[in-house]
Amino acid sequence: MFASKMLLSTLKDVPQEAKIPSHILLLRAGMIKNEVSGVFNYLPLGLRVIRKIENIIREEMDRSGALEILCSAIQPKELWVESGRWQKYGPELIRFSDRHDREFCLGPTHEEIFTSLVRDLVKSSKSLPLNIYQIQTKYRDEVRPRFGLMRSREFIMKDAYSFDKDEEGLDKSYQNMYDTYTRIFNRFKLNFKVVLADTGAIGGNSSHQFMALSEVGESDIVYCDDCGYAADVEKAEARVDVYNGGELKEVEEVYTPEKRTIEEVANYLNIMPKQMVKTIIYYDNNSKEFVAVLVRGDRDINEIKVINYLDSTENDLRLATNEEIESLGSVHGFCGPINLNVKILVDEEVANLKNCVIGANKESYHLKNVAYDRDFKGLVSCFRKAEAGDLCPICGKPLKKERGIEVGQIFKLQTKYSLAMNCTYTNEKNENVPMVMGCYGIGVSRTLASIIEQYHDDYGIIWPLNVAPYHVVIVPVNSKDEAQNQLAKEMYDKLTKAGVEVILDDRDAKVGFKFKDWELIGIPYIITCGRDAVNGMVEFKRRNDVNNKYLLSKEEVIEEIIKAVEEI
């Protein structure tokens, strides 16, 4: 490819709307262009990277025995009503009606479509196990699209679904996809961890996320270096930290003027935050009731665990308003469980705590020396977030915490969809048995952004060779020098013939300007044809070693590049 024929639209300045490296560099390198908030157009260079990511995923999925199909993004309401998700999924589901007033949605995921498809086409157990997948654009009406391709309204996703006769078959299919995903993300050179995860709106009883480690990730993960335990904070467990507070005393009301926060009350009473109990009141629109959640003062509530315990959804659970709290006989900032006539969820650590301080449900007052069971009752479970330093639930060693980008997730759906949608096979007894399903997703566009987050420097992107838009660029220093142009063209022809993807920068521009373009775009190898071209010598630079240049013969450079490309 000749640079003069390419659509190159690099930017010198950082776009105002971009906040993280991948978003900044994708825009500056001319790989994507913003259409509206959360919607992007892929330009030629960006599309080449996307296609290479897709092809690696496709190779490994095909290797695993999965079969590729392509479904419509338009999905009829009726299938979502069958599964029970038409209302439950929430406002992220983009709904619309056609001219005949029939209702549809733009698919954010495809459980219903795949289940319907297999229900109609597969009847015999001889066709099982079956794993089918697609790579397709998904749509979600994000309330706040942000960070470029990380959280957008339109994104490219690989989703696969396995169908088995029983749980044993699902276990094998699930492990097959676990291994396949591990190979895929290793091929992308990503630094990632596989963690236990919550199943969320997809459902099922087991899930793992593949998390690319990054400071800009929206997910927190905790892990143990000793035993290998790792989980998203929404799913993470930790051993109960027992702090009982000593011999139990009589309850005492104390005046705490205008002291509403944990920190304010702890300082005023000269106690530690772990001696206090935080009482947060929610309203669950699913059950139409108020719920008080109690965790220790030094802890944060894990709302996902609360939602799962209540069998509710993220869209149905919200914080109670000050007016609603008052209607319950309490006061914002001074809430406590005693005489509070709502469902009360008590974290395990609170259940073990004696002589704690809680809100007195009246302005400027708290209660001291309170204990669960003696002074108030509730439903006890784990409702706190695990944090760094907590003890591993498996081996008891301290947990560590990092941020990550979810690039893939796998689920054991079991019969959640097949039972609801009557997706069955006929067994040897001529009985109709629900198929046992698994679900497996990879965020293709998010993977692209994650690679950039892990592979960039002050100059631009540093693509791994197997996903780079092109492998090498050849830059003549003087576009009017015959020897330089001749050598550049000779090397271009030889590399192209060997299957290397080459750009010849034939633009009439300053060489420094050209270098900045290619370093920003992240082409892995840069060959410069300068004054030594007459002797068959070129300046050779690797993008991941941008500060070092090597004067080599054309033969040496061609050999190294061809060998590197053959290895991928």
Protein backbone atom coordinates (compact mmCIF):
# COMPACT_ATOMS: atom_id res chain seq x y z
CA MET A 1 0.00 0.00 0.00
CA PHE A 2 1.28 3.45 -0.95
CA ALA A 3 0.79 6.08 1.75
CA SER A 4 -0.33 8.63 -0.82
CA LYS A 5 -3.35 6.42 -1.56
CA MET A 6 -4.32 5.87 2.08
CA LEU A 7 -6.89 7.71 4.18
CA LEU A 8 -4.52 9.06 6.84
CA SER A 9 -6.13 11.47 9.28
CA THR A 10 -3.75 11.71 12.22
CA LEU A 11 -4.24 14.47 14.78
CA LYS A 12 -1.54 16.43 16.59
CA ASP A 13 -3.68 17.57 19.50
CA VAL A 14 -5.55 15.47 22.05
CA PRO A 15 -9.32 15.48 21.36
CA GLN A 16 -11.16 17.20 24.19
CA GLU A 17 -13.69 14.39 24.70
CA ALA A 18 -11.02 11.68 25.11
CA LYS A 19 -9.81 10.90 28.63
CA ILE A 20 -7.98 7.55 28.51
CA PRO A 21 -5.02 6.48 26.34
CA SER A 22 -6.91 4.10 24.04
CA HIS A 23 -9.60 6.66 23.22
CA ILE A 24 -7.03 9.42 22.70
CA LEU A 25 -4.75 7.31 20.50
CA LEU A 26 -7.52 5.74 18.41
CA LEU A 27 -8.77 9.22 17.53
CA ARG A 28 -5.31 10.75 17.04
CA ALA A 29 -4.13 7.83 14.90
CA GLY A 30 -7.17 8.16 12.63
CA MET A 31 -8.51 4.69 13.42
CA ILE A 32 -11.99 5.71 14.52
CA LYS A 33 -14.17 8.76 14.16
CA ASN A 34 -16.93 9.75 16.55
CA GLU A 35 -20.44 9.90 15.06
CA VAL A 36 -22.48 10.73 18.17
CA SER A 37 -21.90 9.96 21.84
CA GLY A 38 -21.06 6.29 22.18
CA VAL A 39 -21.18 5.57 18.42
CA PHE A 40 -18.04 5.36 16.25
CA ASN A 41 -17.08 4.83 12.63
CA TYR A 42 -14.09 2.58 11.96
CA LEU A 43 -11.65 4.09 9.47
CA PRO A 44 -9.41 1.88 7.26
CA LEU A 45 -6.55 1.43 9.75
CA GLY A 46 -8.89 0.73 12.67
CA LEU A 47 -10.97 -1.68 10.62
CA ARG A 48 -7.85 -3.65 9.66
CA VAL A 49 -7.05 -4.12 13.35
CA ILE A 50 -10.64 -5.14 14.14
CA ARG A 51 -10.60 -7.71 11.33
CA LYS A 52 -7.34 -9.21 12.60
CA ILE A 53 -8.74 -9.49 16.12
CA GLU A 54 -11.87 -11.12 14.71
CA ASN A 55 -9.82 -13.57 12.65
CA ILE A 56 -7.77 -14.70 15.65
CA ILE A 57 -10.98 -15.23 17.60
CA ARG A 58 -12.51 -17.06 14.64
CA GLU A 59 -9.46 -19.33 14.25
CA GLU A 60 -9.55 -20.39 17.88
CA MET A 61 -13.33 -20.80 17.97
CA ASP A 62 -13.22 -22.97 14.86
CA ARG A 63 -10.35 -24.94 16.42
CA SER A 64 -12.56 -25.56 19.46
CA GLY A 65 -15.23 -27.17 17.27
CA ALA A 66 -17.69 -24.27 17.33
CA LEU A 67 -19.71 -23.40 14.21
CA GLU A 68 -20.08 -19.83 12.97
CA ILE A 69 -23.44 -18.32 12.03
CA LEU A 70 -24.72 -14.76 11.71
CA CYS A 71 -28.00 -13.61 13.25
CA SER A 72 -29.98 -10.45 12.76
CA ALA A 73 -29.48 -7.63 15.25
CA ILE A 74 -33.27 -7.06 15.13
CA GLN A 75 -35.06 -9.28 17.64
CA PRO A 76 -38.85 -9.67 18.13
CA LYS A 77 -40.39 -8.83 21.50
CA GLU A 78 -42.12 -12.21 21.67
CA LEU A 79 -38.86 -14.12 22.24
CA TRP A 80 -37.84 -11.78 25.06
CA VAL A 81 -41.26 -12.17 26.66
CA GLU A 82 -40.79 -15.95 26.51
CA SER A 83 -37.51 -15.72 28.39
CA GLY A 84 -38.94 -13.19 30.87
CA ARG A 85 -36.40 -10.49 30.03
CA TRP A 86 -38.46 -7.95 28.06
CA GLN A 87 -39.09 -5.83 31.16
CA LYS A 88 -36.35 -7.18 33.43
CA TYR A 89 -33.46 -6.19 31.16
CA GLY A 90 -34.08 -2.49 31.80
CA PRO A 91 -33.68 0.78 29.87
CA GLU A 92 -30.43 -0.29 28.17
CA LEU A 93 -32.57 -2.39 25.83
CA ILE A 94 -33.25 -0.32 22.69
CA ARG A 95 -36.90 -0.98 21.82
CA PHE A 96 -38.82 0.13 18.72
CA SER A 97 -41.93 -0.64 16.69
CA ASP A 98 -42.32 -1.21 12.96
CA ARG A 99 -45.07 0.29 10.75
CA HIS A 100 -47.42 -2.50 11.84
CA ASP A 101 -46.87 -1.63 15.53
CA ARG A 102 -45.03 -4.90 16.15
CA GLU A 103 -42.39 -4.42 18.85
CA PHE A 104 -38.71 -5.28 18.48
CA CYS A 105 -35.36 -4.57 20.09
CA LEU A 106 -31.81 -4.12 18.85
CA GLY A 107 -29.91 -7.03 20.31
CA PRO A 108 -27.62 -6.29 23.25
CA THR A 109 -27.06 -10.06 23.48
CA HIS A 110 -28.51 -13.09 21.70
CA GLU A 111 -29.60 -15.77 24.20
CA GLU A 112 -33.20 -15.69 23.00
CA ILE A 113 -32.33 -15.85 19.29
CA PHE A 114 -29.88 -18.75 19.62
CA THR A 115 -32.23 -20.68 21.90
CA SER A 116 -35.09 -20.18 19.46
CA LEU A 117 -32.93 -21.22 16.54
CA VAL A 118 -31.77 -24.46 18.17
CA ARG A 119 -35.29 -25.17 19.45
CA ASP A 120 -36.56 -25.10 15.86
CA LEU A 121 -33.68 -26.95 14.20
CA VAL A 122 -32.44 -29.54 16.71
CA LYS A 123 -34.64 -32.30 18.10
CA SER A 124 -32.43 -35.37 18.44
CA SER A 125 -29.77 -35.98 21.09
CA LYS A 126 -27.55 -37.13 18.21
CA SER A 127 -27.04 -33.45 17.28
CA LEU A 128 -25.66 -32.66 20.75
CA PRO A 129 -23.32 -31.31 21.97
CA LEU A 130 -23.51 -28.22 19.78
CA ASN A 131 -21.64 -24.89 20.01
CA ILE A 132 -22.54 -22.06 17.64
CA TYR A 133 -21.15 -18.53 17.57
CA GLN A 134 -21.27 -15.24 15.71
CA ILE A 135 -19.27 -12.01 15.49
CA GLN A 136 -21.73 -9.15 15.26
CA THR A 137 -22.58 -5.59 16.31
CA LYS A 138 -24.55 -5.22 19.56
CA TYR A 139 -26.56 -2.28 20.85
CA ARG A 140 -27.11 -1.00 24.39
CA ASP A 141 -28.55 2.39 25.32
CA GLU A 142 -25.85 3.22 27.87
CA VAL A 143 -26.92 5.97 30.25
CA ARG A 144 -23.42 7.47 30.10
CA PRO A 145 -21.22 6.24 27.25
CA ARG A 146 -17.57 6.91 28.07
CA PHE A 147 -13.95 6.03 27.42
CA GLY A 148 -14.34 5.52 23.68
CA LEU A 149 -14.74 1.85 22.77
CA MET A 150 -14.72 0.76 26.43
CA ARG A 151 -18.38 1.64 27.03
CA SER A 152 -20.34 2.58 23.95
CA ARG A 153 -23.86 2.28 22.59
CA GLU A 154 -22.76 0.16 19.67
CA PHE A 155 -19.98 -2.42 19.90
CA ILE A 156 -18.64 -5.52 18.17
CA MET A 157 -18.96 -8.76 20.09
CA LYS A 158 -18.31 -12.45 19.63
CA ASP A 159 -21.01 -14.46 21.36
CA ALA A 160 -21.28 -18.25 21.45
CA TYR A 161 -23.80 -20.66 22.96
CA SER A 162 -23.33 -24.33 23.77
CA PHE A 163 -26.15 -26.87 23.98
CA ASP A 164 -25.64 -30.14 25.83
CA LYS A 165 -27.69 -33.08 27.05
CA ASP A 166 -26.73 -32.76 30.70
CA GLU A 167 -24.59 -30.99 33.31
CA GLU A 168 -21.62 -33.22 32.61
CA GLY A 169 -21.71 -32.16 28.98
CA LEU A 170 -21.98 -28.49 29.97
CA ASP A 171 -18.92 -28.86 32.21
CA LYS A 172 -16.91 -30.12 29.22
CA SER A 173 -18.19 -27.36 26.90
CA TYR A 174 -17.47 -24.72 29.54
CA GLN A 175 -13.91 -25.96 30.08
CA ASN A 176 -13.40 -26.06 26.32
CA MET A 177 -14.36 -22.37 26.07
CA TYR A 178 -12.26 -21.50 29.14
CA ASP A 179 -9.22 -23.01 27.40
CA THR A 180 -10.14 -21.41 24.07
CA TYR A 181 -10.44 -17.95 25.62
CA THR A 182 -7.10 -18.41 27.36
CA ARG A 183 -5.47 -19.15 23.99
CA ILE A 184 -7.20 -16.16 22.36
CA PHE A 185 -6.08 -13.60 24.93
CA ASN A 186 -2.58 -15.07 25.04
CA ARG A 187 -2.38 -14.54 21.28
CA PHE A 188 -3.25 -10.89 21.81
CA LYS A 189 -0.30 -10.66 24.26
CA LEU A 190 -2.65 -9.32 26.93
CA ASN A 191 -1.75 -9.36 30.60
CA PHE A 192 -5.00 -10.79 31.97
CA LYS A 193 -6.49 -12.67 34.88
CA VAL A 194 -9.41 -15.09 34.88
CA VAL A 195 -11.72 -14.31 37.80
CA LEU A 196 -14.95 -15.59 39.28
CA ALA A 197 -17.81 -13.29 38.28
CA ASP A 198 -21.44 -12.51 38.93
CA THR A 199 -23.83 -13.73 36.23
CA GLY A 200 -25.83 -10.46 36.13
CA ALA A 201 -28.70 -10.06 33.66
CA ILE A 202 -27.49 -13.05 31.59
CA GLY A 203 -28.26 -15.47 34.42
CA GLY A 204 -26.99 -18.94 35.22
CA ASN A 205 -25.16 -20.38 38.20
CA SER A 206 -21.48 -19.95 37.36
CA SER A 207 -19.34 -17.47 35.47
CA HIS A 208 -15.74 -16.39 34.86
CA GLN A 209 -14.50 -13.09 33.49
CA PHE A 210 -11.30 -12.56 31.52
CA MET A 211 -9.91 -9.25 32.78
CA ALA A 212 -7.16 -7.29 31.01
CA LEU A 213 -5.27 -5.57 33.82
CA SER A 214 -5.33 -1.80 33.48
CA GLU A 215 -5.58 1.27 35.70
CA VAL A 216 -8.41 2.59 33.52
CA GLY A 217 -10.49 -0.56 33.95
CA GLU A 218 -14.01 -0.12 35.30
CA SER A 219 -13.89 -3.33 37.33
CA ASP A 220 -12.05 -4.10 40.54
CA ILE A 221 -10.67 -7.59 41.03
CA VAL A 222 -9.23 -9.17 44.14
CA TYR A 223 -6.87 -12.10 43.99
CA CYS A 224 -4.52 -14.26 46.02
CA ASP A 225 -0.98 -14.88 44.82
CA ASP A 226 -0.62 -17.91 47.09
CA CYS A 227 -3.52 -20.14 46.02
CA GLY A 228 -4.65 -18.44 42.77
CA TYR A 229 -8.11 -17.39 43.96
CA ALA A 230 -9.38 -14.44 41.90
CA ALA A 231 -12.78 -12.78 41.60
CA ASP A 232 -14.49 -9.61 40.48
CA VAL A 233 -15.40 -7.55 43.55
CA GLU A 234 -19.08 -8.12 42.75
CA LYS A 235 -18.50 -11.85 43.30
CA ALA A 236 -15.46 -11.87 45.61
CA GLU A 237 -15.57 -13.47 49.03
CA ALA A 238 -13.23 -13.01 51.99
CA ARG A 239 -12.97 -14.51 55.44
CA VAL A 240 -15.02 -12.77 58.11
CA ASP A 241 -12.98 -10.29 60.11
CA VAL A 242 -14.21 -10.94 63.66
CA TYR A 243 -14.06 -7.83 65.84
CA ASN A 244 -16.50 -8.40 68.69
CA GLY A 245 -15.94 -5.27 70.82
CA GLY A 246 -15.54 -6.95 74.20
CA GLU A 247 -18.02 -7.82 76.93
CA LEU A 248 -21.55 -6.77 76.04
CA LYS A 249 -22.88 -3.61 77.77
CA GLU A 250 -26.26 -1.92 78.08
CA VAL A 251 -27.51 0.16 75.17
CA GLU A 252 -26.90 3.88 75.64
CA GLU A 253 -28.22 6.82 73.62
CA VAL A 254 -25.57 9.47 72.86
CA TYR A 255 -25.86 12.98 71.49
CA THR A 256 -23.95 13.42 68.21
CA PRO A 257 -24.79 16.95 67.02
CA GLU A 258 -24.85 17.15 63.19
CA LYS A 259 -22.46 14.19 62.98
CA ARG A 260 -23.83 12.16 60.07
CA THR A 261 -20.92 10.37 58.41
CA ILE A 262 -19.00 7.39 59.77
CA GLU A 263 -15.83 9.46 59.98
CA GLU A 264 -17.54 12.34 61.81
CA VAL A 265 -19.20 10.10 64.41
CA ALA A 266 -16.08 7.97 64.93
CA ASN A 267 -13.95 11.06 65.56
CA TYR A 268 -16.57 12.60 67.86
CA LEU A 269 -16.91 9.43 69.99
CA ASN A 270 -13.19 8.61 69.76
CA ILE A 271 -13.78 5.13 68.33
CA MET A 272 -12.69 3.25 65.22
CA PRO A 273 -14.98 3.07 62.14
CA LYS A 274 -15.01 -0.73 62.50
CA GLN A 275 -16.86 -0.26 65.82
CA MET A 276 -19.76 1.38 63.95
CA VAL A 277 -22.49 -0.01 61.73
CA LYS A 278 -23.50 1.66 58.51
CA THR A 279 -27.24 1.42 57.78
CA ILE A 280 -28.26 2.18 54.20
CA ILE A 281 -31.92 2.07 53.16
CA TYR A 282 -32.92 1.04 49.63
CA TYR A 283 -36.20 0.69 47.78
CA ASP A 284 -36.62 -2.49 45.75
CA ASN A 285 -39.07 -1.83 42.94
CA ASN A 286 -39.20 -5.54 42.16
CA SER A 287 -40.71 -6.49 45.54
CA LYS A 288 -42.15 -2.99 46.21
CA GLU A 289 -40.51 -2.82 49.64
CA PHE A 290 -37.84 -0.94 51.55
CA VAL A 291 -34.69 -2.78 52.60
CA ALA A 292 -32.05 -1.73 55.14
CA VAL A 293 -28.56 -3.11 54.55
CA LEU A 294 -26.07 -3.16 57.44
CA VAL A 295 -22.29 -3.35 57.06
CA ARG A 296 -19.47 -2.38 59.34
CA GLY A 297 -18.50 1.30 59.29
CA ASP A 298 -15.18 0.63 57.55
CA ARG A 299 -16.86 -1.39 54.78
CA ASP A 300 -18.72 -0.65 51.55
CA ILE A 301 -21.95 -2.36 50.56
CA ASN A 302 -21.75 -4.81 47.66
CA GLU A 303 -24.98 -3.89 45.90
CA ILE A 304 -24.72 -6.82 43.49
CA LYS A 305 -24.80 -9.25 46.41
CA VAL A 306 -27.80 -7.39 47.80
CA ILE A 307 -29.56 -7.58 44.43
CA ASN A 308 -28.85 -11.30 44.10
CA TYR A 309 -30.04 -11.99 47.64
CA LEU A 310 -33.29 -10.14 46.92
CA ASP A 311 -33.62 -11.77 43.47
CA SER A 312 -33.96 -8.28 42.04
CA THR A 313 -32.16 -6.32 39.30
CA GLU A 314 -29.80 -3.36 39.15
CA ASN A 315 -32.54 -1.28 37.57
CA ASP A 316 -35.01 -2.08 40.37
CA LEU A 317 -32.82 -1.30 43.39
CA ARG A 318 -32.26 2.33 44.32
CA LEU A 319 -31.38 4.38 47.38
CA ALA A 320 -34.34 5.62 49.39
CA THR A 321 -34.92 9.37 49.31
CA ASN A 322 -34.69 11.52 52.45
CA GLU A 323 -38.48 11.90 52.38
CA GLU A 324 -38.97 8.13 52.17
CA ILE A 325 -36.55 7.60 55.06
CA GLU A 326 -38.54 10.07 57.16
CA SER A 327 -41.76 8.25 56.28
CA LEU A 328 -40.21 5.12 57.81
CA GLY A 329 -39.61 6.95 61.09
CA SER A 330 -35.91 7.57 60.61
CA VAL A 331 -33.58 10.43 59.62
CA HIS A 332 -30.97 10.53 56.86
CA GLY A 333 -27.52 10.21 58.45
CA PHE A 334 -28.89 8.72 61.66
CA CYS A 335 -30.49 5.49 60.39
CA GLY A 336 -30.31 2.34 62.50
CA PRO A 337 -32.00 -1.09 62.57
CA ILE A 338 -33.71 -0.85 65.98
CA ASN A 339 -37.47 -0.32 65.62
CA LEU A 340 -37.04 0.13 61.88
CA ASN A 341 -40.01 -1.67 60.30
CA VAL A 342 -38.39 -2.82 57.04
CA LYS A 343 -36.58 -5.93 55.80
CA ILE A 344 -33.09 -5.87 57.34
CA LEU A 345 -30.05 -7.49 55.71
CA VAL A 346 -27.11 -7.93 58.08
CA ASP A 347 -23.55 -8.53 56.93
CA GLU A 348 -21.74 -11.40 58.68
CA GLU A 349 -19.22 -9.04 60.29
CA VAL A 350 -22.03 -6.98 61.84
CA ALA A 351 -23.61 -10.16 63.20
CA ASN A 352 -20.33 -10.85 65.06
CA LEU A 353 -19.96 -7.29 66.37
CA LYS A 354 -20.70 -6.36 69.99
CA ASN A 355 -20.94 -2.92 71.58
CA CYS A 356 -21.23 -1.26 68.19
CA VAL A 357 -22.58 2.23 67.43
CA ILE A 358 -25.64 2.62 65.21
CA GLY A 359 -27.98 5.43 64.23
CA ALA A 360 -30.83 6.11 66.69
CA ASN A 361 -33.33 7.03 63.94
CA LYS A 362 -33.58 10.58 65.23
CA GLU A 363 -31.70 13.77 64.46
CA SER A 364 -28.25 14.10 66.13
CA TYR A 365 -28.44 10.86 68.11
CA HIS A 366 -26.73 7.47 67.95
CA LEU A 367 -26.92 4.33 70.10
CA LYS A 368 -23.89 2.74 71.76
CA ASN A 369 -23.29 -0.85 72.91
CA VAL A 370 -25.64 -2.41 70.37
CA ALA A 371 -25.46 -6.08 69.34
CA TYR A 372 -27.17 -8.17 66.70
CA ASP A 373 -29.70 -10.71 67.96
CA ARG A 374 -30.08 -9.04 71.38
CA ASP A 375 -31.11 -5.60 70.11
CA PHE A 376 -32.21 -6.21 66.52
CA LYS A 377 -32.81 -9.07 64.11
CA GLY A 378 -32.21 -9.53 60.39
CA LEU A 379 -31.20 -11.83 57.56
CA VAL A 380 -27.48 -12.58 57.76
CA SER A 381 -25.24 -13.08 54.73
CA CYS A 382 -22.24 -11.47 53.02
CA PHE A 383 -23.23 -7.97 51.84
CA ARG A 384 -19.81 -6.25 51.96
CA LYS A 385 -17.21 -5.65 49.28
CA ALA A 386 -13.96 -7.57 49.58
CA GLU A 387 -10.91 -5.31 49.79
CA ALA A 388 -7.14 -5.60 49.53
CA GLY A 389 -5.77 -6.95 52.79
CA ASP A 390 -8.84 -9.09 53.53
CA LEU A 391 -8.03 -12.75 54.03
CA CYS A 392 -8.43 -15.16 51.12
CA PRO A 393 -11.49 -17.43 51.54
CA ILE A 394 -9.45 -20.42 50.32
CA CYS A 395 -6.05 -20.20 52.02
CA GLY A 396 -6.34 -17.29 54.44
CA LYS A 397 -3.50 -15.20 52.98
CA PRO A 398 -4.02 -11.44 52.35
CA LEU A 399 -5.81 -10.57 49.12
CA LYS A 400 -4.51 -8.06 46.57
CA LYS A 401 -6.60 -5.72 44.43
CA GLU A 402 -6.23 -4.38 40.89
CA ARG A 403 -8.38 -2.79 38.22
CA GLY A 404 -9.25 -4.60 35.05
CA ILE A 405 -11.11 -4.32 31.75
CA GLU A 406 -13.61 -7.09 31.10
CA VAL A 407 -12.72 -8.43 27.65
CA GLY A 408 -14.53 -11.75 27.90
CA GLN A 409 -17.00 -13.64 30.07
CA ILE A 410 -18.29 -17.20 30.10
CA PHE A 411 -21.48 -18.43 31.81
CA LYS A 412 -23.09 -21.72 32.76
CA LEU A 413 -26.68 -20.88 31.85
CA GLN A 414 -27.94 -24.42 32.57
CA THR A 415 -31.67 -24.52 31.67
CA LYS A 416 -32.53 -20.85 32.37
CA TYR A 417 -33.47 -20.19 28.73
CA SER A 418 -34.12 -23.69 27.38
CA LEU A 419 -36.72 -24.39 30.07
CA ALA A 420 -38.48 -21.03 29.65
CA MET A 421 -38.44 -21.28 25.85
CA ASN A 422 -39.09 -25.03 25.53
CA CYS A 423 -35.77 -25.81 23.84
CA THR A 424 -35.67 -29.58 24.27
CA TYR A 425 -34.30 -32.78 22.79
CA THR A 426 -35.85 -36.25 22.76
CA ASN A 427 -33.98 -38.81 24.86
CA GLU A 428 -33.89 -42.60 24.50
CA LYS A 429 -37.10 -42.89 26.54
CA ASN A 430 -38.84 -40.60 24.05
CA GLU A 431 -39.03 -37.84 26.67
CA ASN A 432 -38.53 -34.15 25.93
CA VAL A 433 -35.61 -32.91 28.04
CA PRO A 434 -34.44 -29.26 28.29
CA MET A 435 -31.01 -28.71 26.78
CA VAL A 436 -28.30 -27.53 29.17
CA MET A 437 -26.74 -24.31 27.90
CA GLY A 438 -23.59 -22.24 28.21
CA CYS A 439 -22.92 -18.70 26.98
CA TYR A 440 -19.54 -17.23 25.99
CA GLY A 441 -18.81 -13.62 25.00
CA ILE A 442 -15.80 -11.58 23.89
CA GLY A 443 -15.89 -7.81 23.44
CA VAL A 444 -14.05 -7.44 20.13
CA SER A 445 -13.93 -3.64 20.04
CA ARG A 446 -13.17 -3.50 23.76
CA THR A 447 -10.30 -5.95 23.22
CA LEU A 448 -8.85 -3.56 20.64
CA ALA A 449 -8.95 -0.73 23.19
CA SER A 450 -7.50 -2.99 25.90
CA ILE A 451 -4.50 -3.88 23.75
CA ILE A 452 -3.75 -0.18 23.32
CA GLU A 453 -4.11 0.43 27.08
CA GLN A 454 -1.37 -2.13 27.68
CA TYR A 455 0.75 -1.31 24.60
CA HIS A 456 1.47 2.39 24.15
CA ASP A 457 4.06 5.02 25.02
CA ASP A 458 4.48 8.79 24.71
CA TYR A 459 4.81 8.48 20.93
CA GLY A 460 1.66 6.44 20.27
CA ILE A 461 0.43 2.86 19.93
CA ILE A 462 2.73 -0.19 20.04
CA TRP A 463 0.77 -2.94 18.29
CA PRO A 464 1.67 -6.60 18.72
CA LEU A 465 2.69 -7.76 15.25
CA ASN A 466 -0.31 -10.09 14.75
CA VAL A 467 -2.92 -7.33 15.13
CA ALA A 468 -1.02 -4.32 13.71
CA PRO A 469 -2.79 -2.66 10.77
CA TYR A 470 0.40 -3.20 8.70
CA HIS A 471 3.64 -4.96 9.61
CA VAL A 472 6.17 -2.52 8.23
CA VAL A 473 6.52 0.94 6.69
CA ILE A 474 9.33 1.98 4.35
CA VAL A 475 10.22 5.66 4.41
CA PRO A 476 12.55 7.27 1.81
CA VAL A 477 14.15 10.33 3.40
CA ASN A 478 14.15 12.29 0.12
CA SER A 479 11.22 11.47 -2.12
CA LYS A 480 13.15 12.85 -5.10
CA ASP A 481 16.31 10.76 -4.56
CA GLU A 482 16.44 7.97 -7.15
CA ALA A 483 18.63 5.60 -5.14
CA GLN A 484 16.41 5.88 -2.07
CA ASN A 485 13.22 5.39 -4.07
CA GLN A 486 14.67 2.46 -5.96
CA LEU A 487 15.78 0.65 -2.80
CA ALA A 488 12.46 1.40 -1.09
CA LYS A 489 10.54 -0.03 -4.03
CA GLU A 490 12.78 -3.09 -4.22
CA MET A 491 12.27 -3.89 -0.54
CA TYR A 492 8.54 -3.16 -0.83
CA ASP A 493 8.20 -5.69 -3.67
CA LYS A 494 10.21 -8.42 -1.92
CA LEU A 495 8.38 -8.09 1.39
CA THR A 496 4.97 -7.93 -0.27
CA LYS A 497 5.75 -11.04 -2.30
CA ALA A 498 6.67 -12.83 0.95
CA GLY A 499 3.26 -12.06 2.43
CA VAL A 500 4.33 -9.11 4.57
CA GLU A 501 1.89 -6.20 4.84
CA VAL A 502 3.91 -3.15 3.76
CA ILE A 503 3.34 0.59 3.45
CA LEU A 504 5.63 2.62 1.22
CA ASP A 505 5.49 6.24 2.34
CA ASP A 506 5.71 8.07 -0.98
CA ARG A 507 4.22 11.29 0.37
CA ASP A 508 5.97 14.56 -0.43
CA ALA A 509 6.42 15.58 3.22
CA LYS A 510 9.18 16.11 5.75
CA VAL A 511 10.64 12.86 7.03
CA GLY A 512 10.10 13.88 10.68
CA PHE A 513 6.40 14.35 9.98
CA LYS A 514 6.26 10.86 8.45
CA PHE A 515 8.00 9.25 11.42
CA LYS A 516 5.59 10.86 13.86
CA ASP A 517 2.65 9.48 11.89
CA TRP A 518 3.93 5.91 11.89
CA GLU A 519 5.00 5.95 15.52
CA LEU A 520 1.58 7.29 16.48
CA ILE A 521 -0.20 4.65 14.38
CA GLY A 522 2.10 1.98 15.83
CA ILE A 523 3.52 0.20 12.77
CA PRO A 524 5.85 -2.48 14.30
CA TYR A 525 8.82 -1.96 11.92
CA ILE A 526 10.08 1.25 10.31
CA ILE A 527 12.64 1.08 7.52
CA THR A 528 14.34 4.33 6.51
CA CYS A 529 16.05 4.60 3.14
CA GLY A 530 18.58 7.45 3.49
CA ARG A 531 22.02 8.39 2.26
CA ASP A 532 23.33 4.82 2.65
CA ALA A 533 20.75 3.51 0.20
CA VAL A 534 23.33 3.51 -2.60
CA ASN A 535 25.20 0.82 -0.63
CA GLY A 536 22.08 -1.24 0.06
CA MET A 537 22.01 -0.16 3.71
CA VAL A 538 18.93 1.06 5.60
CA GLU A 539 18.12 2.40 9.04
CA PHE A 540 15.96 -0.10 10.89
CA LYS A 541 13.78 0.66 13.91
CA ARG A 542 11.43 -1.53 15.92
CA ARG A 543 8.39 0.28 17.29
CA ASN A 544 8.76 -1.34 20.72
CA ASP A 545 12.36 -0.06 20.84
CA VAL A 546 11.75 3.35 19.30
CA ASN A 547 14.84 5.08 20.71
CA ASN A 548 17.31 2.69 19.08
CA LYS A 549 18.13 2.64 15.37
CA TYR A 550 20.24 0.08 13.56
CA LEU A 551 22.14 0.43 10.27
CA LEU A 552 21.63 -2.90 8.52
CA SER A 553 21.77 -4.33 5.05
CA LYS A 554 18.51 -4.70 3.16
CA GLU A 555 18.96 -8.48 3.26
CA GLU A 556 19.25 -8.56 7.06
CA VAL A 557 16.12 -6.44 7.50
CA ILE A 558 14.06 -8.42 5.01
CA GLU A 559 15.09 -11.69 6.64
CA GLU A 560 14.16 -10.53 10.15
CA ILE A 561 10.77 -9.17 9.12
CA ILE A 562 9.79 -12.22 7.06
CA LYS A 563 10.80 -14.53 9.91
CA ALA A 564 8.78 -12.51 12.44
CA VAL A 565 5.69 -12.47 10.23
CA GLU A 566 5.96 -16.21 9.53
CA GLU A 567 6.07 -16.90 13.28
CA ILE A 568 2.69 -15.23 13.84
